[in-house]
Amino acid sequence: MREIIEGKAYVLGDNIDTDQIIPAQYLTLNPAIPDEYRMFGKYALSGVPVAQGGLPKGHIPFHDGSDEFHSPYRIVVAGRNFGCGSSREHAPIALAAAGVEAVVAEFYARIFFRNAVNGGYLIPFETGDRLCEQICTGDQLRIDVQAARLINLTTNETWDLKPLGEVAPIIAAGGLFPYAEKVGMLRRS
């Protein structure tokens, strides 16, 4: 687990569901196949509808065209209930494949949160502040993972995030299976 995550913010609203994070038509792709894993990055957040106000102000796309598989955004900032909907584990995979390292949301659908942690795909931070109304897409952010602190380098504002708590060692190990192996709960044959 990185101690500092730094990059551009991509800001979304409330109730971003797993169909918006990775639309169902791309679920035939297998993330275990490297070329298909890259495609998850290409289609990440391609299902967020403009009509529902999901896209950032100005309707800024998640991919800017400079790299078809990776987004220029490393940190997603969202409102309430991020990752709701179906329980597809492909949602955090798609964000990670696109280059996202952390999501900061008011709260998550529990299955998205667990899938992100268990797979070691990205760090799901929670916040008590409505940051999706205080941070703009494109702002340069820095997250101090250990201190659970978010700094907006563009505006010089700072917010405390909720500590990762009991999931921190799982995230640090790279996911549930590496953690279980590390603590002796699982042995490789």
Foldseek 3Di string as FASTA:
>chain_A
DDQKDKAFEFFFEEDAALCQQANPVLVVQDCVDPVSLLVLQLRGRVRQDVVVVGGFVVNDDQAPPPDNRAGRGQEYEYEYAPHDDDLDLSRLSSNLRNRHAEYEYQDYDVSNQQSCLQQLRHHYWHAPDRCSVVDHGGFMWMARLVQQKIARPRVRDIGHIDHPPPSVQSNVLRHDVSSCVVVVNDDDD
